[in-house]
Amino acid sequence: MILTSDTIMPLIGGTVSIVWSSPNYIGLGPDEMLTVWRTVKNIDFEWLYGGWYTVPVIKDAKPNILKSLPRITKIMTEKRGHPIFLETA
């Protein structure tokens, strides 16, 4: 289990949002998401709890996070040339 406060924000449907400031909707950039990816892949956990009472709890969280980060990066960069796409779990 990990409690991420507002950095890795659990969303409905098992996906996540990666933000620097959730109340202000300020997201992390692709390079910071790569750092999150590399950190998360080395931690064994199944459950993700956010820091707000309105967010869902996610089971099987690690694979969902690792799937979400490249998807968010692709949307932000509009290309697949970022190093996050070379990472494997």
PDB file of N, CA and C in Angstrom:
ATOM      1  N   MET A   1       0.844  -1.163   0.000  1.00  0.00           N
ATOM      2  CA  MET A   1       0.000   0.000   0.000  1.00  0.00           C
ATOM      3  C   MET A   1       0.895   1.233   0.000  1.00  0.00           C
ATOM      4  N   ILE A   2       0.508   2.227  -0.796  1.00  0.00           N
ATOM      5  CA  ILE A   2       1.180   3.522  -0.722  1.00  0.00           C
ATOM      6  C   ILE A   2       0.121   4.615  -0.565  1.00  0.00           C
ATOM      7  N   LEU A   3       0.485   5.639   0.181  1.00  0.00           N
ATOM      8  CA  LEU A   3      -0.342   6.820   0.348  1.00  0.00           C
ATOM      9  C   LEU A   3       0.398   7.950  -0.335  1.00  0.00           C
ATOM     10  N   THR A   4      -0.158   8.446  -1.415  1.00  0.00           N
ATOM     11  CA  THR A   4       0.581   9.366  -2.264  1.00  0.00           C
ATOM     12  C   THR A   4       0.247  10.832  -2.059  1.00  0.00           C
ATOM     13  N   SER A   5      -0.665  11.115  -1.171  1.00  0.00           N
ATOM     14  CA  SER A   5      -1.125  12.485  -0.975  1.00  0.00           C
ATOM     15  C   SER A   5      -1.648  13.007  -2.301  1.00  0.00           C
ATOM     16  N   ASP A   6      -1.037  14.062  -2.855  1.00  0.00           N
ATOM     17  CA  ASP A   6      -1.580  14.578  -4.111  1.00  0.00           C
ATOM     18  C   ASP A   6      -0.593  14.509  -5.274  1.00  0.00           C
ATOM     19  N   THR A   7       0.487  13.743  -5.163  1.00  0.00           N
ATOM     20  CA  THR A   7       1.399  13.607  -6.293  1.00  0.00           C
ATOM     21  C   THR A   7       0.847  12.622  -7.321  1.00  0.00           C
ATOM     22  N   ILE A   8       0.543  11.416  -6.882  1.00  0.00           N
ATOM     23  CA  ILE A   8      -0.090  10.427  -7.754  1.00  0.00           C
ATOM     24  C   ILE A   8      -1.546  10.362  -7.303  1.00  0.00           C
ATOM     25  N   MET A   9      -2.404  11.026  -8.036  1.00  0.00           N
ATOM     26  CA  MET A   9      -3.806  11.150  -7.643  1.00  0.00           C
ATOM     27  C   MET A   9      -4.636  10.039  -8.276  1.00  0.00           C
ATOM     28  N   PRO A  10      -5.221   9.147  -7.455  1.00  0.00           N
ATOM     29  CA  PRO A  10      -6.086   8.105  -8.004  1.00  0.00           C
ATOM     30  C   PRO A  10      -7.335   8.713  -8.635  1.00  0.00           C
ATOM     31  N   LEU A  11      -7.724   8.171  -9.782  1.00  0.00           N
ATOM     32  CA  LEU A  11      -8.920   8.633 -10.474  1.00  0.00           C
ATOM     33  C   LEU A  11      -9.892   7.481 -10.653  1.00  0.00           C
ATOM     34  N   ILE A  12     -11.134   7.797 -10.884  1.00  0.00           N
ATOM     35  CA  ILE A  12     -12.140   6.775 -11.142  1.00  0.00           C
ATOM     36  C   ILE A  12     -11.739   5.998 -12.386  1.00  0.00           C
ATOM     37  N   GLY A  13     -11.884   4.688 -12.337  1.00  0.00           N
ATOM     38  CA  GLY A  13     -11.526   3.839 -13.463  1.00  0.00           C
ATOM     39  C   GLY A  13     -10.147   3.224 -13.336  1.00  0.00           C
ATOM     40  N   GLY A  14      -9.450   3.507 -12.227  1.00  0.00           N
ATOM     41  CA  GLY A  14      -8.153   2.894 -11.989  1.00  0.00           C
ATOM     42  C   GLY A  14      -6.983   3.625 -12.591  1.00  0.00           C
ATOM     43  N   THR A  15      -7.198   4.771 -13.217  1.00  0.00           N
ATOM     44  CA  THR A  15      -6.087   5.534 -13.764  1.00  0.00           C
ATOM     45  C   THR A  15      -5.604   6.528 -12.716  1.00  0.00           C
ATOM     46  N   VAL A  16      -4.560   7.261 -13.051  1.00  0.00           N
ATOM     47  CA  VAL A  16      -4.015   8.252 -12.126  1.00  0.00           C
ATOM     48  C   VAL A  16      -3.712   9.545 -12.856  1.00  0.00           C
ATOM     49  N   SER A  17      -3.590  10.593 -12.096  1.00  0.00           N
ATOM     50  CA  SER A  17      -3.106  11.871 -12.577  1.00  0.00           C
ATOM     51  C   SER A  17      -1.848  12.184 -11.777  1.00  0.00           C
ATOM     52  N   ILE A  18      -0.852  12.726 -12.430  1.00  0.00           N
ATOM     53  CA  ILE A  18       0.412  13.048 -11.774  1.00  0.00           C
ATOM     54  C   ILE A  18       0.511  14.567 -11.681  1.00  0.00           C
ATOM     55  N   VAL A  19       0.464  15.076 -10.458  1.00  0.00           N
ATOM     56  CA  VAL A  19       0.408  16.523 -10.289  1.00  0.00           C
ATOM     57  C   VAL A  19       1.403  17.001  -9.236  1.00  0.00           C
ATOM     58  N   TRP A  20       1.806  18.236  -9.382  1.00  0.00           N
ATOM     59  CA  TRP A  20       2.654  18.889  -8.396  1.00  0.00           C
ATOM     60  C   TRP A  20       1.782  19.543  -7.336  1.00  0.00           C
ATOM     61  N   SER A  21       0.631  20.066  -7.754  1.00  0.00           N
ATOM     62  CA  SER A  21      -0.310  20.693  -6.827  1.00  0.00           C
ATOM     63  C   SER A  21      -1.727  20.364  -7.267  1.00  0.00           C
ATOM     64  N   SER A  22      -2.327  19.412  -6.596  1.00  0.00           N
ATOM     65  CA  SER A  22      -3.675  18.989  -6.957  1.00  0.00           C
ATOM     66  C   SER A  22      -4.713  20.093  -6.800  1.00  0.00           C
ATOM     67  N   PRO A  23      -4.724  20.826  -5.692  1.00  0.00           N
ATOM     68  CA  PRO A  23      -5.760  21.867  -5.560  1.00  0.00           C
ATOM     69  C   PRO A  23      -5.675  22.936  -6.649  1.00  0.00           C
ATOM     70  N   ASN A  24      -4.478  23.157  -7.167  1.00  0.00           N
ATOM     71  CA  ASN A  24      -4.281  24.186  -8.193  1.00  0.00           C
ATOM     72  C   ASN A  24      -4.197  23.598  -9.606  1.00  0.00           C
ATOM     73  N   TYR A  25      -4.331  22.276  -9.726  1.00  0.00           N
ATOM     74  CA  TYR A  25      -4.297  21.586 -11.029  1.00  0.00           C
ATOM     75  C   TYR A  25      -3.002  21.868 -11.797  1.00  0.00           C
ATOM     76  N   ILE A  26      -1.883  21.811 -11.095  1.00  0.00           N
ATOM     77  CA  ILE A  26      -0.576  22.006 -11.727  1.00  0.00           C
ATOM     78  C   ILE A  26       0.066  20.635 -11.879  1.00  0.00           C
ATOM     79  N   GLY A  27       0.211  20.186 -13.095  1.00  0.00           N
ATOM     80  CA  GLY A  27       0.752  18.860 -13.362  1.00  0.00           C
ATOM     81  C   GLY A  27       2.265  18.828 -13.431  1.00  0.00           C
ATOM     82  N   LEU A  28       2.808  17.620 -13.313  1.00  0.00           N
ATOM     83  CA  LEU A  28       4.241  17.417 -13.507  1.00  0.00           C
ATOM     84  C   LEU A  28       4.526  17.274 -14.997  1.00  0.00           C
ATOM     85  N   GLY A  29       5.732  17.625 -15.390  1.00  0.00           N
ATOM     86  CA  GLY A  29       6.143  17.483 -16.780  1.00  0.00           C
ATOM     87  C   GLY A  29       6.631  16.072 -17.068  1.00  0.00           C
ATOM     88  N   PRO A  30       6.901  15.765 -18.334  1.00  0.00           N
ATOM     89  CA  PRO A  30       7.331  14.425 -18.727  1.00  0.00           C
ATOM     90  C   PRO A  30       8.591  13.936 -18.024  1.00  0.00           C
ATOM     91  N   ASP A  31       9.565  14.796 -17.806  1.00  0.00           N
ATOM     92  CA  ASP A  31      10.797  14.355 -17.146  1.00  0.00           C
ATOM     93  C   ASP A  31      10.545  13.974 -15.689  1.00  0.00           C
ATOM     94  N   GLU A  32       9.690  14.720 -15.017  1.00  0.00           N
ATOM     95  CA  GLU A  32       9.345  14.379 -13.640  1.00  0.00           C
ATOM     96  C   GLU A  32       8.532  13.090 -13.587  1.00  0.00           C
ATOM     97  N   MET A  33       7.682  12.860 -14.599  1.00  0.00           N
ATOM     98  CA  MET A  33       6.917  11.612 -14.643  1.00  0.00           C
ATOM     99  C   MET A  33       7.828  10.412 -14.830  1.00  0.00           C
ATOM    100  N   LEU A  34       8.907  10.584 -15.571  1.00  0.00           N
ATOM    101  CA  LEU A  34       9.886   9.509 -15.719  1.00  0.00           C
ATOM    102  C   LEU A  34      10.509   9.180 -14.360  1.00  0.00           C
ATOM    103  N   THR A  35      10.803  10.195 -13.570  1.00  0.00           N
ATOM    104  CA  THR A  35      11.329   9.965 -12.220  1.00  0.00           C
ATOM    105  C   THR A  35      10.317   9.214 -11.368  1.00  0.00           C
ATOM    106  N   VAL A  36       9.054   9.591 -11.444  1.00  0.00           N
ATOM    107  CA  VAL A  36       8.004   8.870 -10.705  1.00  0.00           C
ATOM    108  C   VAL A  36       7.941   7.427 -11.182  1.00  0.00           C
ATOM    109  N   TRP A  37       7.985   7.199 -12.489  1.00  0.00           N
ATOM    110  CA  TRP A  37       7.925   5.846 -13.063  1.00  0.00           C
ATOM    111  C   TRP A  37       9.064   4.989 -12.507  1.00  0.00           C
ATOM    112  N   ARG A  38      10.272   5.530 -12.548  1.00  0.00           N
ATOM    113  CA  ARG A  38      11.436   4.765 -12.081  1.00  0.00           C
ATOM    114  C   ARG A  38      11.371   4.488 -10.581  1.00  0.00           C
ATOM    115  N   THR A  39      10.771   5.369  -9.829  1.00  0.00           N
ATOM    116  CA  THR A  39      10.618   5.163  -8.388  1.00  0.00           C
ATOM    117  C   THR A  39       9.547   4.123  -8.095  1.00  0.00           C
ATOM    118  N   VAL A  40       8.406   4.253  -8.727  1.00  0.00           N
ATOM    119  CA  VAL A  40       7.272   3.361  -8.475  1.00  0.00           C
ATOM    120  C   VAL A  40       7.581   1.928  -8.888  1.00  0.00           C
ATOM    121  N   LYS A  41       8.317   1.741  -9.986  1.00  0.00           N
ATOM    122  CA  LYS A  41       8.569   0.379 -10.466  1.00  0.00           C
ATOM    123  C   LYS A  41       9.388  -0.444  -9.470  1.00  0.00           C
ATOM    124  N   ASN A  42      10.099   0.216  -8.559  1.00  0.00           N
ATOM    125  CA  ASN A  42      10.932  -0.486  -7.581  1.00  0.00           C
ATOM    126  C   ASN A  42      10.249  -0.707  -6.234  1.00  0.00           C
ATOM    127  N   ILE A  43       8.998  -0.320  -6.121  1.00  0.00           N
ATOM    128  CA  ILE A  43       8.254  -0.477  -4.870  1.00  0.00           C
ATOM    129  C   ILE A  43       7.185  -1.545  -5.078  1.00  0.00           C
ATOM    130  N   ASP A  44       7.101  -2.498  -4.148  1.00  0.00           N
ATOM    131  CA  ASP A  44       6.058  -3.515  -4.211  1.00  0.00           C
ATOM    132  C   ASP A  44       4.834  -3.031  -3.432  1.00  0.00           C
ATOM    133  N   PHE A  45       3.721  -2.893  -4.128  1.00  0.00           N
ATOM    134  CA  PHE A  45       2.470  -2.490  -3.493  1.00  0.00           C
ATOM    135  C   PHE A  45       1.313  -2.889  -4.390  1.00  0.00           C
ATOM    136  N   GLU A  46       0.133  -2.954  -3.809  1.00  0.00           N
ATOM    137  CA  GLU A  46      -1.065  -3.315  -4.564  1.00  0.00           C
ATOM    138  C   GLU A  46      -2.121  -2.216  -4.505  1.00  0.00           C
ATOM    139  N   TRP A  47      -2.184  -1.497  -3.408  1.00  0.00           N
ATOM    140  CA  TRP A  47      -3.232  -0.503  -3.192  1.00  0.00           C
ATOM    141  C   TRP A  47      -2.662   0.908  -3.250  1.00  0.00           C
ATOM    142  N   LEU A  48      -3.455   1.839  -3.792  1.00  0.00           N
ATOM    143  CA  LEU A  48      -3.091   3.248  -3.850  1.00  0.00           C
ATOM    144  C   LEU A  48      -4.186   4.063  -3.164  1.00  0.00           C
ATOM    145  N   TYR A  49      -3.770   4.861  -2.198  1.00  0.00           N
ATOM    146  CA  TYR A  49      -4.682   5.748  -1.480  1.00  0.00           C
ATOM    147  C   TYR A  49      -4.237   7.183  -1.740  1.00  0.00           C
ATOM    148  N   GLY A  50      -5.161   8.024  -2.161  1.00  0.00           N
ATOM    149  CA  GLY A  50      -4.850   9.429  -2.351  1.00  0.00           C
ATOM    150  C   GLY A  50      -4.980  10.194  -1.050  1.00  0.00           C
ATOM    151  N   GLY A  51      -4.634  11.450  -1.082  1.00  0.00           N
ATOM    152  CA  GLY A  51      -4.659  12.260   0.129  1.00  0.00           C
ATOM    153  C   GLY A  51      -5.942  13.027   0.352  1.00  0.00           C
ATOM    154  N   TRP A  52      -6.948  12.797  -0.450  1.00  0.00           N
ATOM    155  CA  TRP A  52      -8.201  13.533  -0.340  1.00  0.00           C
ATOM    156  C   TRP A  52      -9.342  12.552  -0.132  1.00  0.00           C
ATOM    157  N   TYR A  53     -10.350  12.950   0.573  1.00  0.00           N
ATOM    158  CA  TYR A  53     -11.461  12.053   0.872  1.00  0.00           C
ATOM    159  C   TYR A  53     -12.365  11.803  -0.334  1.00  0.00           C
ATOM    160  N   THR A  54     -12.248  12.581  -1.386  1.00  0.00           N
ATOM    161  CA  THR A  54     -13.121  12.424  -2.552  1.00  0.00           C
ATOM    162  C   THR A  54     -12.532  11.536  -3.642  1.00  0.00           C
ATOM    163  N   VAL A  55     -11.302  11.064  -3.463  1.00  0.00           N
ATOM    164  CA  VAL A  55     -10.672  10.253  -4.514  1.00  0.00           C
ATOM    165  C   VAL A  55     -10.852   8.769  -4.214  1.00  0.00           C
ATOM    166  N   PRO A  56     -10.884   7.946  -5.261  1.00  0.00           N
ATOM    167  CA  PRO A  56     -11.062   6.511  -5.036  1.00  0.00           C
ATOM    168  C   PRO A  56      -9.783   5.847  -4.533  1.00  0.00           C
ATOM    169  N   VAL A  57      -9.947   4.650  -4.009  1.00  0.00           N
ATOM    170  CA  VAL A  57      -8.824   3.778  -3.667  1.00  0.00           C
ATOM    171  C   VAL A  57      -8.665   2.827  -4.838  1.00  0.00           C
ATOM    172  N   ILE A  58      -7.433   2.585  -5.276  1.00  0.00           N
ATOM    173  CA  ILE A  58      -7.202   1.740  -6.448  1.00  0.00           C
ATOM    174  C   ILE A  58      -6.497   0.459  -6.035  1.00  0.00           C
ATOM    175  N   LYS A  59      -7.074  -0.678  -6.428  1.00  0.00           N
ATOM    176  CA  LYS A  59      -6.432  -1.976  -6.260  1.00  0.00           C
ATOM    177  C   LYS A  59      -5.654  -2.261  -7.539  1.00  0.00           C
ATOM    178  N   ASP A  60      -4.594  -3.087  -7.455  1.00  0.00           N
ATOM    179  CA  ASP A  60      -3.697  -3.327  -8.594  1.00  0.00           C
ATOM    180  C   ASP A  60      -3.131  -2.003  -9.097  1.00  0.00           C
ATOM    181  N   ALA A  61      -2.749  -1.168  -8.159  1.00  0.00           N
ATOM    182  CA  ALA A  61      -2.352   0.200  -8.471  1.00  0.00           C
ATOM    183  C   ALA A  61      -1.056   0.294  -9.260  1.00  0.00           C
ATOM    184  N   LYS A  62      -0.059  -0.514  -8.918  1.00  0.00           N
ATOM    185  CA  LYS A  62       1.240  -0.373  -9.580  1.00  0.00           C
ATOM    186  C   LYS A  62       1.134  -0.526 -11.094  1.00  0.00           C
ATOM    187  N   PRO A  63       0.510  -1.592 -11.629  1.00  0.00           N
ATOM    188  CA  PRO A  63       0.407  -1.675 -13.084  1.00  0.00           C
ATOM    189  C   PRO A  63      -0.416  -0.536 -13.689  1.00  0.00           C
ATOM    190  N   ASN A  64      -1.411  -0.047 -12.956  1.00  0.00           N
ATOM    191  CA  ASN A  64      -2.210   1.065 -13.469  1.00  0.00           C
ATOM    192  C   ASN A  64      -1.396   2.353 -13.529  1.00  0.00           C
ATOM    193  N   ILE A  65      -0.557   2.582 -12.532  1.00  0.00           N
ATOM    194  CA  ILE A  65       0.298   3.766 -12.551  1.00  0.00           C
ATOM    195  C   ILE A  65       1.300   3.668 -13.699  1.00  0.00           C
ATOM    196  N   LEU A  66       1.946   2.519 -13.817  1.00  0.00           N
ATOM    197  CA  LEU A  66       2.968   2.354 -14.859  1.00  0.00           C
ATOM    198  C   LEU A  66       2.367   2.428 -16.259  1.00  0.00           C
ATOM    199  N   LYS A  67       1.101   2.107 -16.399  1.00  0.00           N
ATOM    200  CA  LYS A  67       0.423   2.232 -17.693  1.00  0.00           C
ATOM    201  C   LYS A  67       0.013   3.685 -17.944  1.00  0.00           C
ATOM    202  N   SER A  68      -0.375   4.388 -16.899  1.00  0.00           N
ATOM    203  CA  SER A  68      -0.856   5.761 -17.042  1.00  0.00           C
ATOM    204  C   SER A  68       0.252   6.746 -17.389  1.00  0.00           C
ATOM    205  N   LEU A  69       1.443   6.571 -16.800  1.00  0.00           N
ATOM    206  CA  LEU A  69       2.517   7.554 -16.994  1.00  0.00           C
ATOM    207  C   LEU A  69       2.942   7.710 -18.455  1.00  0.00           C
ATOM    208  N   PRO A  70       3.200   6.621 -19.201  1.00  0.00           N
ATOM    209  CA  PRO A  70       3.521   6.815 -20.621  1.00  0.00           C
ATOM    210  C   PRO A  70       2.357   7.407 -21.417  1.00  0.00           C
ATOM    211  N   ARG A  71       1.130   7.048 -21.052  1.00  0.00           N
ATOM    212  CA  ARG A  71      -0.036   7.585 -21.759  1.00  0.00           C
ATOM    213  C   ARG A  71      -0.132   9.099 -21.555  1.00  0.00           C
ATOM    214  N   ILE A  72       0.083   9.560 -20.327  1.00  0.00           N
ATOM    215  CA  ILE A  72       0.053  11.002 -20.053  1.00  0.00           C
ATOM    216  C   ILE A  72       1.193  11.699 -20.799  1.00  0.00           C
ATOM    217  N   THR A  73       2.379  11.086 -20.776  1.00  0.00           N
ATOM    218  CA  THR A  73       3.533  11.677 -21.459  1.00  0.00           C
ATOM    219  C   THR A  73       3.273  11.789 -22.960  1.00  0.00           C
ATOM    220  N   LYS A  74       2.672  10.773 -23.543  1.00  0.00           N
ATOM    221  CA  LYS A  74       2.368  10.809 -24.981  1.00  0.00           C
ATOM    222  C   LYS A  74       1.426  11.959 -25.303  1.00  0.00           C
ATOM    223  N   ILE A  75       0.436  12.172 -24.465  1.00  0.00           N
ATOM    224  CA  ILE A  75      -0.499  13.275 -24.688  1.00  0.00           C
ATOM    225  C   ILE A  75       0.217  14.617 -24.562  1.00  0.00           C
ATOM    226  N   MET A  76       1.105  14.723 -23.575  1.00  0.00           N
ATOM    227  CA  MET A  76       1.807  15.992 -23.348  1.00  0.00           C
ATOM    228  C   MET A  76       2.828  16.297 -24.433  1.00  0.00           C
ATOM    229  N   THR A  77       3.535  15.279 -24.902  1.00  0.00           N
ATOM    230  CA  THR A  77       4.617  15.521 -25.853  1.00  0.00           C
ATOM    231  C   THR A  77       4.185  15.324 -27.293  1.00  0.00           C
ATOM    232  N   GLU A  78       3.058  14.641 -27.504  1.00  0.00           N
ATOM    233  CA  GLU A  78       2.531  14.319 -28.827  1.00  0.00           C
ATOM    234  C   GLU A  78       3.528  13.533 -29.678  1.00  0.00           C
ATOM    235  N   LYS A  79       4.424  12.816 -29.023  1.00  0.00           N
ATOM    236  CA  LYS A  79       5.372  11.967 -29.739  1.00  0.00           C
ATOM    237  C   LYS A  79       5.822  10.851 -28.812  1.00  0.00           C
ATOM    238  N   ARG A  80       6.496   9.884 -29.357  1.00  0.00           N
ATOM    239  CA  ARG A  80       6.947   8.753 -28.558  1.00  0.00           C
ATOM    240  C   ARG A  80       8.475   8.762 -28.385  1.00  0.00           C
ATOM    241  N   GLY A  81       9.110   9.903 -28.480  1.00  0.00           N
ATOM    242  CA  GLY A  81      10.553   9.973 -28.367  1.00  0.00           C
ATOM    243  C   GLY A  81      11.080  10.184 -26.956  1.00  0.00           C
ATOM    244  N   HIS A  82      10.221  10.284 -25.983  1.00  0.00           N
ATOM    245  CA  HIS A  82      10.652  10.530 -24.607  1.00  0.00           C
ATOM    246  C   HIS A  82      11.210   9.228 -23.998  1.00  0.00           C
ATOM    247  N   PRO A  83      12.232   9.314 -23.136  1.00  0.00           N
ATOM    248  CA  PRO A  83      12.828   8.121 -22.531  1.00  0.00           C
ATOM    249  C   PRO A  83      11.865   7.236 -21.737  1.00  0.00           C
ATOM    250  N   ILE A  84      10.733   7.763 -21.304  1.00  0.00           N
ATOM    251  CA  ILE A  84       9.793   6.952 -20.536  1.00  0.00           C
ATOM    252  C   ILE A  84       9.276   5.772 -21.375  1.00  0.00           C
ATOM    253  N   PHE A  85       9.272   5.924 -22.693  1.00  0.00           N
ATOM    254  CA  PHE A  85       8.766   4.854 -23.557  1.00  0.00           C
ATOM    255  C   PHE A  85       9.755   3.706 -23.700  1.00  0.00           C
ATOM    256  N   LEU A  86      10.980   3.888 -23.222  1.00  0.00           N
ATOM    257  CA  LEU A  86      11.978   2.815 -23.254  1.00  0.00           C
ATOM    258  C   LEU A  86      11.983   2.008 -21.969  1.00  0.00           C
ATOM    259  N   GLU A  87      11.257   2.469 -20.959  1.00  0.00           N
ATOM    260  CA  GLU A  87      11.226   1.802 -19.657  1.00  0.00           C
ATOM    261  C   GLU A  87      10.381   0.534 -19.707  1.00  0.00           C
ATOM    262  N   THR A  88      10.792  -0.448 -18.903  1.00  0.00           N
ATOM    263  CA  THR A  88      10.017  -1.679 -18.732  1.00  0.00           C
ATOM    264  C   THR A  88       9.877  -1.953 -17.239  1.00  0.00           C
ATOM    265  N   ALA A  89       8.775  -2.580 -16.903  1.00  0.00           N
ATOM    266  CA  ALA A  89       8.493  -2.818 -15.479  1.00  0.00           C
ATOM    267  C   ALA A  89       9.293  -3.934 -14.928  1.00  0.00           C
TER     268      ALA A  89
END
